[in-house]
Amino acid sequence: MGTSTKTSKIFSDRLSDLIAEAKEHGADYRSLASALEISTGALSNYASDKQQPNITTLHKIAKYFHV
Protein backbone atom coordinates (compact mmCIF):
# COMPACT_ATOMS: atom_id res chain seq x y z
CA MET A 1 0.00 0.00 0.00
CA GLY A 2 1.53 3.33 -1.06
CA THR A 3 1.72 6.40 1.12
CA SER A 4 -1.09 8.19 -0.70
CA THR A 5 -3.33 5.16 -0.26
CA LYS A 6 -2.56 5.00 3.46
CA THR A 7 -3.24 8.72 3.76
CA SER A 8 -6.55 8.48 1.95
CA LYS A 9 -7.61 5.58 4.18
CA ILE A 10 -6.70 7.54 7.30
CA PHE A 11 -8.67 10.51 5.98
CA SER A 12 -11.74 8.43 5.12
CA ASP A 13 -11.66 6.66 8.49
CA ARG A 14 -11.40 9.96 10.37
CA LEU A 15 -14.15 11.54 8.28
CA SER A 16 -16.38 8.56 9.00
CA ASP A 17 -15.74 9.05 12.71
CA LEU A 18 -16.56 12.77 12.47
CA ILE A 19 -19.76 12.04 10.56
CA ALA A 20 -20.78 9.47 13.18
CA GLU A 21 -20.18 12.03 15.94
CA ALA A 22 -22.23 14.62 14.05
CA LYS A 23 -25.05 12.09 13.63
CA GLU A 24 -25.05 11.54 17.40
CA HIS A 25 -25.80 15.26 17.69
CA GLY A 26 -28.70 15.15 15.23
CA ALA A 27 -26.99 15.81 11.90
CA ASP A 28 -27.58 13.63 8.85
CA TYR A 29 -25.80 13.18 5.52
CA ARG A 30 -28.06 15.70 3.81
CA SER A 31 -27.43 18.46 6.36
CA LEU A 32 -23.69 17.76 6.46
CA ALA A 33 -23.41 17.74 2.69
CA SER A 34 -25.43 20.94 2.47
CA ALA A 35 -23.22 22.67 5.04
CA LEU A 36 -20.14 21.58 3.07
CA GLU A 37 -21.73 22.57 -0.26
CA ILE A 38 -21.25 19.10 -1.74
CA SER A 39 -23.58 16.28 -2.73
CA THR A 40 -24.48 13.48 -0.36
CA GLY A 41 -22.89 11.11 -2.86
CA ALA A 42 -19.59 12.97 -2.70
CA LEU A 43 -19.65 12.94 1.11
CA SER A 44 -20.34 9.21 1.07
CA ASN A 45 -17.53 8.64 -1.44
CA TYR A 46 -15.06 10.60 0.73
CA ALA A 47 -16.06 8.63 3.83
CA SER A 48 -15.75 5.29 2.02
CA ASP A 49 -12.38 6.12 0.40
CA LYS A 50 -13.83 5.97 -3.12
CA GLN A 51 -12.99 9.58 -3.91
CA GLN A 52 -10.79 12.32 -2.47
CA PRO A 53 -11.97 15.90 -1.99
CA ASN A 54 -10.28 18.77 -3.75
CA ILE A 55 -8.36 21.25 -1.60
CA THR A 56 -11.29 23.67 -1.35
CA THR A 57 -13.64 20.96 -0.12
CA LEU A 58 -10.98 19.59 2.21
CA HIS A 59 -10.68 23.07 3.75
CA LYS A 60 -14.48 23.25 4.18
CA ILE A 61 -14.49 19.84 5.88
CA ALA A 62 -11.69 20.86 8.24
CA LYS A 63 -13.37 24.15 9.06
CA TYR A 64 -16.79 22.55 9.62
CA PHE A 65 -15.44 19.88 11.95
CA HIS A 66 -12.85 22.19 13.58
CA VAL A 67 -9.92 19.94 12.73
PDB file of N, CA and C in Angstrom:
ATOM      1  N   MET A   1       0.847  -1.168   0.000  1.00  0.00           N
ATOM      2  CA  MET A   1       0.000   0.000   0.000  1.00  0.00           C
ATOM      3  C   MET A   1       0.897   1.236   0.000  1.00  0.00           C
ATOM      4  N   GLY A   2       0.734   2.127  -0.971  1.00  0.00           N
ATOM      5  CA  GLY A   2       1.532   3.332  -1.063  1.00  0.00           C
ATOM      6  C   GLY A   2       1.124   4.355  -0.024  1.00  0.00           C
ATOM      7  N   THR A   3       1.977   5.364   0.130  1.00  0.00           N
ATOM      8  CA  THR A   3       1.721   6.402   1.117  1.00  0.00           C
ATOM      9  C   THR A   3       0.416   7.125   0.847  1.00  0.00           C
ATOM     10  N   SER A   4       0.142   7.471  -0.410  1.00  0.00           N
ATOM     11  CA  SER A   4      -1.094   8.194  -0.704  1.00  0.00           C
ATOM     12  C   SER A   4      -2.318   7.341  -0.392  1.00  0.00           C
ATOM     13  N   THR A   5      -2.219   6.049  -0.578  1.00  0.00           N
ATOM     14  CA  THR A   5      -3.329   5.159  -0.262  1.00  0.00           C
ATOM     15  C   THR A   5      -3.538   5.085   1.249  1.00  0.00           C
ATOM     16  N   LYS A   6      -2.462   5.009   2.002  1.00  0.00           N
ATOM     17  CA  LYS A   6      -2.556   5.000   3.460  1.00  0.00           C
ATOM     18  C   LYS A   6      -3.167   6.310   3.950  1.00  0.00           C
ATOM     19  N   THR A   7      -2.734   7.410   3.363  1.00  0.00           N
ATOM     20  CA  THR A   7      -3.241   8.721   3.759  1.00  0.00           C
ATOM     21  C   THR A   7      -4.722   8.849   3.453  1.00  0.00           C
ATOM     22  N   SER A   8      -5.143   8.386   2.292  1.00  0.00           N
ATOM     23  CA  SER A   8      -6.554   8.485   1.948  1.00  0.00           C
ATOM     24  C   SER A   8      -7.404   7.605   2.862  1.00  0.00           C
ATOM     25  N   LYS A   9      -6.887   6.462   3.258  1.00  0.00           N
ATOM     26  CA  LYS A   9      -7.608   5.580   4.179  1.00  0.00           C
ATOM     27  C   LYS A   9      -7.721   6.222   5.556  1.00  0.00           C
ATOM     28  N   ILE A  10      -6.663   6.829   6.015  1.00  0.00           N
ATOM     29  CA  ILE A  10      -6.697   7.540   7.296  1.00  0.00           C
ATOM     30  C   ILE A  10      -7.722   8.662   7.239  1.00  0.00           C
ATOM     31  N   PHE A  11      -7.707   9.418   6.136  1.00  0.00           N
ATOM     32  CA  PHE A  11      -8.672  10.507   5.975  1.00  0.00           C
ATOM     33  C   PHE A  11     -10.101   9.975   5.978  1.00  0.00           C
ATOM     34  N   SER A  12     -10.370   8.944   5.206  1.00  0.00           N
ATOM     35  CA  SER A  12     -11.742   8.428   5.119  1.00  0.00           C
ATOM     36  C   SER A  12     -12.205   7.856   6.457  1.00  0.00           C
ATOM     37  N   ASP A  13     -11.305   7.191   7.172  1.00  0.00           N
ATOM     38  CA  ASP A  13     -11.662   6.659   8.493  1.00  0.00           C
ATOM     39  C   ASP A  13     -11.988   7.789   9.460  1.00  0.00           C
ATOM     40  N   ARG A  14     -11.176   8.820   9.460  1.00  0.00           N
ATOM     41  CA  ARG A  14     -11.404   9.958  10.372  1.00  0.00           C
ATOM     42  C   ARG A  14     -12.689  10.693  10.000  1.00  0.00           C
ATOM     43  N   LEU A  15     -12.916  10.883   8.709  1.00  0.00           N
ATOM     44  CA  LEU A  15     -14.147  11.543   8.276  1.00  0.00           C
ATOM     45  C   LEU A  15     -15.360  10.721   8.698  1.00  0.00           C
ATOM     46  N   SER A  16     -15.283   9.434   8.563  1.00  0.00           N
ATOM     47  CA  SER A  16     -16.384   8.564   8.996  1.00  0.00           C
ATOM     48  C   SER A  16     -16.653   8.735  10.486  1.00  0.00           C
ATOM     49  N   ASP A  17     -15.588   8.824  11.269  1.00  0.00           N
ATOM     50  CA  ASP A  17     -15.745   9.047  12.712  1.00  0.00           C
ATOM     51  C   ASP A  17     -16.409  10.396  12.989  1.00  0.00           C
ATOM     52  N   LEU A  18     -15.986  11.431  12.289  1.00  0.00           N
ATOM     53  CA  LEU A  18     -16.556  12.765  12.471  1.00  0.00           C
ATOM     54  C   LEU A  18     -18.029  12.794  12.076  1.00  0.00           C
ATOM     55  N   ILE A  19     -18.362  12.111  11.001  1.00  0.00           N
ATOM     56  CA  ILE A  19     -19.758  12.037  10.557  1.00  0.00           C
ATOM     57  C   ILE A  19     -20.590  11.302  11.610  1.00  0.00           C
ATOM     58  N   ALA A  20     -20.055  10.226  12.144  1.00  0.00           N
ATOM     59  CA  ALA A  20     -20.778   9.471  13.179  1.00  0.00           C
ATOM     60  C   ALA A  20     -21.026  10.346  14.412  1.00  0.00           C
ATOM     61  N   GLU A  21     -20.011  11.127  14.801  1.00  0.00           N
ATOM     62  CA  GLU A  21     -20.179  12.035  15.939  1.00  0.00           C
ATOM     63  C   GLU A  21     -21.242  13.084  15.642  1.00  0.00           C
ATOM     64  N   ALA A  22     -21.232  13.612  14.432  1.00  0.00           N
ATOM     65  CA  ALA A  22     -22.225  14.620  14.049  1.00  0.00           C
ATOM     66  C   ALA A  22     -23.625  14.017  14.058  1.00  0.00           C
ATOM     67  N   LYS A  23     -23.746  12.770  13.623  1.00  0.00           N
ATOM     68  CA  LYS A  23     -25.052  12.094  13.631  1.00  0.00           C
ATOM     69  C   LYS A  23     -25.567  11.916  15.053  1.00  0.00           C
ATOM     70  N   GLU A  24     -24.661  11.673  15.996  1.00  0.00           N
ATOM     71  CA  GLU A  24     -25.055  11.541  17.398  1.00  0.00           C
ATOM     72  C   GLU A  24     -25.666  12.845  17.925  1.00  0.00           C
ATOM     73  N   HIS A  25     -25.298  13.949  17.289  1.00  0.00           N
ATOM     74  CA  HIS A  25     -25.803  15.258  17.690  1.00  0.00           C
ATOM     75  C   HIS A  25     -26.924  15.741  16.775  1.00  0.00           C
ATOM     76  N   GLY A  26     -27.518  14.833  16.014  1.00  0.00           N
ATOM     77  CA  GLY A  26     -28.699  15.148  15.229  1.00  0.00           C
ATOM     78  C   GLY A  26     -28.486  15.487  13.766  1.00  0.00           C
ATOM     79  N   ALA A  27     -27.256  15.514  13.311  1.00  0.00           N
ATOM     80  CA  ALA A  27     -26.991  15.805  11.896  1.00  0.00           C
ATOM     81  C   ALA A  27     -27.252  14.553  11.057  1.00  0.00           C
ATOM     82  N   ASP A  28     -27.474  14.742   9.779  1.00  0.00           N
ATOM     83  CA  ASP A  28     -27.582  13.627   8.851  1.00  0.00           C
ATOM     84  C   ASP A  28     -26.745  13.956   7.618  1.00  0.00           C
ATOM     85  N   TYR A  29     -26.622  12.978   6.714  1.00  0.00           N
ATOM     86  CA  TYR A  29     -25.796  13.177   5.521  1.00  0.00           C
ATOM     87  C   TYR A  29     -26.246  14.397   4.731  1.00  0.00           C
ATOM     88  N   ARG A  30     -27.544  14.584   4.607  1.00  0.00           N
ATOM     89  CA  ARG A  30     -28.060  15.699   3.806  1.00  0.00           C
ATOM     90  C   ARG A  30     -27.636  17.040   4.409  1.00  0.00           C
ATOM     91  N   SER A  31     -27.786  17.190   5.729  1.00  0.00           N
ATOM     92  CA  SER A  31     -27.428  18.464   6.359  1.00  0.00           C
ATOM     93  C   SER A  31     -25.917  18.688   6.335  1.00  0.00           C
ATOM     94  N   LEU A  32     -25.150  17.623   6.538  1.00  0.00           N
ATOM     95  CA  LEU A  32     -23.693  17.757   6.464  1.00  0.00           C
ATOM     96  C   LEU A  32     -23.246  18.143   5.053  1.00  0.00           C
ATOM     97  N   ALA A  33     -23.774  17.455   4.069  1.00  0.00           N
ATOM     98  CA  ALA A  33     -23.414  17.745   2.686  1.00  0.00           C
ATOM     99  C   ALA A  33     -23.808  19.171   2.316  1.00  0.00           C
ATOM    100  N   SER A  34     -24.973  19.586   2.750  1.00  0.00           N
ATOM    101  CA  SER A  34     -25.432  20.939   2.472  1.00  0.00           C
ATOM    102  C   SER A  34     -24.497  21.968   3.101  1.00  0.00           C
ATOM    103  N   ALA A  35     -24.119  21.749   4.349  1.00  0.00           N
ATOM    104  CA  ALA A  35     -23.217  22.669   5.039  1.00  0.00           C
ATOM    105  C   ALA A  35     -21.857  22.745   4.348  1.00  0.00           C
ATOM    106  N   LEU A  36     -21.433  21.643   3.759  1.00  0.00           N
ATOM    107  CA  LEU A  36     -20.143  21.576   3.072  1.00  0.00           C
ATOM    108  C   LEU A  36     -20.238  21.960   1.595  1.00  0.00           C
ATOM    109  N   GLU A  37     -21.464  22.199   1.135  1.00  0.00           N
ATOM    110  CA  GLU A  37     -21.735  22.570  -0.257  1.00  0.00           C
ATOM    111  C   GLU A  37     -21.260  21.500  -1.234  1.00  0.00           C
ATOM    112  N   ILE A  38     -21.558  20.240  -0.876  1.00  0.00           N
ATOM    113  CA  ILE A  38     -21.250  19.096  -1.738  1.00  0.00           C
ATOM    114  C   ILE A  38     -22.472  18.191  -1.775  1.00  0.00           C
ATOM    115  N   SER A  39     -22.468  17.222  -2.668  1.00  0.00           N
ATOM    116  CA  SER A  39     -23.583  16.276  -2.733  1.00  0.00           C
ATOM    117  C   SER A  39     -23.430  15.211  -1.648  1.00  0.00           C
ATOM    118  N   THR A  40     -24.540  14.581  -1.325  1.00  0.00           N
ATOM    119  CA  THR A  40     -24.477  13.482  -0.357  1.00  0.00           C
ATOM    120  C   THR A  40     -23.639  12.335  -0.917  1.00  0.00           C
ATOM    121  N   GLY A  41     -23.701  12.153  -2.220  1.00  0.00           N
ATOM    122  CA  GLY A  41     -22.893  11.109  -2.856  1.00  0.00           C
ATOM    123  C   GLY A  41     -21.404  11.366  -2.699  1.00  0.00           C
ATOM    124  N   ALA A  42     -21.012  12.629  -2.865  1.00  0.00           N
ATOM    125  CA  ALA A  42     -19.592  12.973  -2.698  1.00  0.00           C
ATOM    126  C   ALA A  42     -19.159  12.729  -1.263  1.00  0.00           C
ATOM    127  N   LEU A  43     -19.979  13.148  -0.302  1.00  0.00           N
ATOM    128  CA  LEU A  43     -19.646  12.936   1.106  1.00  0.00           C
ATOM    129  C   LEU A  43     -19.503  11.447   1.398  1.00  0.00           C
ATOM    130  N   SER A  44     -20.401  10.656   0.889  1.00  0.00           N
ATOM    131  CA  SER A  44     -20.338   9.210   1.066  1.00  0.00           C
ATOM    132  C   SER A  44     -19.071   8.640   0.426  1.00  0.00           C
ATOM    133  N   ASN A  45     -18.737   9.118  -0.760  1.00  0.00           N
ATOM    134  CA  ASN A  45     -17.526   8.642  -1.436  1.00  0.00           C
ATOM    135  C   ASN A  45     -16.266   9.007  -0.665  1.00  0.00           C
ATOM    136  N   TYR A  46     -16.221  10.205  -0.075  1.00  0.00           N
ATOM    137  CA  TYR A  46     -15.061  10.603   0.731  1.00  0.00           C
ATOM    138  C   TYR A  46     -14.943   9.699   1.957  1.00  0.00           C
ATOM    139  N   ALA A  47     -16.064   9.433   2.607  1.00  0.00           N
ATOM    140  CA  ALA A  47     -16.055   8.626   3.829  1.00  0.00           C
ATOM    141  C   ALA A  47     -15.740   7.156   3.559  1.00  0.00           C
ATOM    142  N   SER A  48     -16.010   6.696   2.353  1.00  0.00           N
ATOM    143  CA  SER A  48     -15.752   5.287   2.022  1.00  0.00           C
ATOM    144  C   SER A  48     -14.471   5.101   1.207  1.00  0.00           C
ATOM    145  N   ASP A  49     -13.677   6.165   1.094  1.00  0.00           N
ATOM    146  CA  ASP A  49     -12.380   6.122   0.398  1.00  0.00           C
ATOM    147  C   ASP A  49     -12.510   5.796  -1.087  1.00  0.00           C
ATOM    148  N   LYS A  50     -13.641   6.175  -1.688  1.00  0.00           N
ATOM    149  CA  LYS A  50     -13.835   5.966  -3.120  1.00  0.00           C
ATOM    150  C   LYS A  50     -13.424   7.187  -3.928  1.00  0.00           C
ATOM    151  N   GLN A  51     -13.311   8.315  -3.250  1.00  0.00           N
ATOM    152  CA  GLN A  51     -12.993   9.579  -3.914  1.00  0.00           C
ATOM    153  C   GLN A  51     -12.319  10.476  -2.884  1.00  0.00           C
ATOM    154  N   GLN A  52     -11.452  11.358  -3.352  1.00  0.00           N
ATOM    155  CA  GLN A  52     -10.790  12.315  -2.471  1.00  0.00           C
ATOM    156  C   GLN A  52     -11.294  13.716  -2.785  1.00  0.00           C
ATOM    157  N   PRO A  53     -11.504  14.540  -1.752  1.00  0.00           N
ATOM    158  CA  PRO A  53     -11.972  15.903  -1.994  1.00  0.00           C
ATOM    159  C   PRO A  53     -10.858  16.773  -2.564  1.00  0.00           C
ATOM    160  N   ASN A  54     -11.276  17.808  -3.299  1.00  0.00           N
ATOM    161  CA  ASN A  54     -10.282  18.774  -3.746  1.00  0.00           C
ATOM    162  C   ASN A  54      -9.884  19.637  -2.553  1.00  0.00           C
ATOM    163  N   ILE A  55      -8.890  20.483  -2.719  1.00  0.00           N
ATOM    164  CA  ILE A  55      -8.355  21.253  -1.597  1.00  0.00           C
ATOM    165  C   ILE A  55      -9.399  22.208  -1.012  1.00  0.00           C
ATOM    166  N   THR A  56     -10.252  22.770  -1.839  1.00  0.00           N
ATOM    167  CA  THR A  56     -11.290  23.675  -1.353  1.00  0.00           C
ATOM    168  C   THR A  56     -12.281  22.929  -0.457  1.00  0.00           C
ATOM    169  N   THR A  57     -12.708  21.766  -0.903  1.00  0.00           N
ATOM    170  CA  THR A  57     -13.640  20.959  -0.119  1.00  0.00           C
ATOM    171  C   THR A  57     -12.966  20.441   1.139  1.00  0.00           C
ATOM    172  N   LEU A  58     -11.722  20.058   1.040  1.00  0.00           N
ATOM    173  CA  LEU A  58     -10.981  19.593   2.205  1.00  0.00           C
ATOM    174  C   LEU A  58     -10.927  20.699   3.264  1.00  0.00           C
ATOM    175  N   HIS A  59     -10.701  21.928   2.830  1.00  0.00           N
ATOM    176  CA  HIS A  59     -10.681  23.068   3.750  1.00  0.00           C
ATOM    177  C   HIS A  59     -12.052  23.252   4.400  1.00  0.00           C
ATOM    178  N   LYS A  60     -13.126  23.123   3.629  1.00  0.00           N
ATOM    179  CA  LYS A  60     -14.483  23.252   4.180  1.00  0.00           C
ATOM    180  C   LYS A  60     -14.755  22.167   5.220  1.00  0.00           C
ATOM    181  N   ILE A  61     -14.310  20.947   4.935  1.00  0.00           N
ATOM    182  CA  ILE A  61     -14.492  19.839   5.877  1.00  0.00           C
ATOM    183  C   ILE A  61     -13.745  20.135   7.173  1.00  0.00           C
ATOM    184  N   ALA A  62     -12.501  20.557   7.050  1.00  0.00           N
ATOM    185  CA  ALA A  62     -11.687  20.862   8.236  1.00  0.00           C
ATOM    186  C   ALA A  62     -12.307  21.989   9.048  1.00  0.00           C
ATOM    187  N   LYS A  63     -12.763  23.009   8.368  1.00  0.00           N
ATOM    188  CA  LYS A  63     -13.365  24.152   9.063  1.00  0.00           C
ATOM    189  C   LYS A  63     -14.676  23.741   9.743  1.00  0.00           C
ATOM    190  N   TYR A  64     -15.503  22.978   9.061  1.00  0.00           N
ATOM    191  CA  TYR A  64     -16.790  22.553   9.622  1.00  0.00           C
ATOM    192  C   TYR A  64     -16.585  21.723  10.889  1.00  0.00           C
ATOM    193  N   PHE A  65     -15.660  20.777  10.834  1.00  0.00           N
ATOM    194  CA  PHE A  65     -15.439  19.877  11.951  1.00  0.00           C
ATOM    195  C   PHE A  65     -14.381  20.390  12.953  1.00  0.00           C
ATOM    196  N   HIS A  66     -13.837  21.573  12.690  1.00  0.00           N
ATOM    197  CA  HIS A  66     -12.845  22.194  13.577  1.00  0.00           C
ATOM    198  C   HIS A  66     -11.619  21.290  13.781  1.00  0.00           C
ATOM    199  N   VAL A  67     -11.124  20.775  12.673  1.00  0.00           N
ATOM    200  CA  VAL A  67      -9.923  19.938  12.729  1.00  0.00           C
ATOM    201  C   VAL A  67      -8.841  20.479  11.805  1.00  0.00           C
TER     202      VAL A  67
END
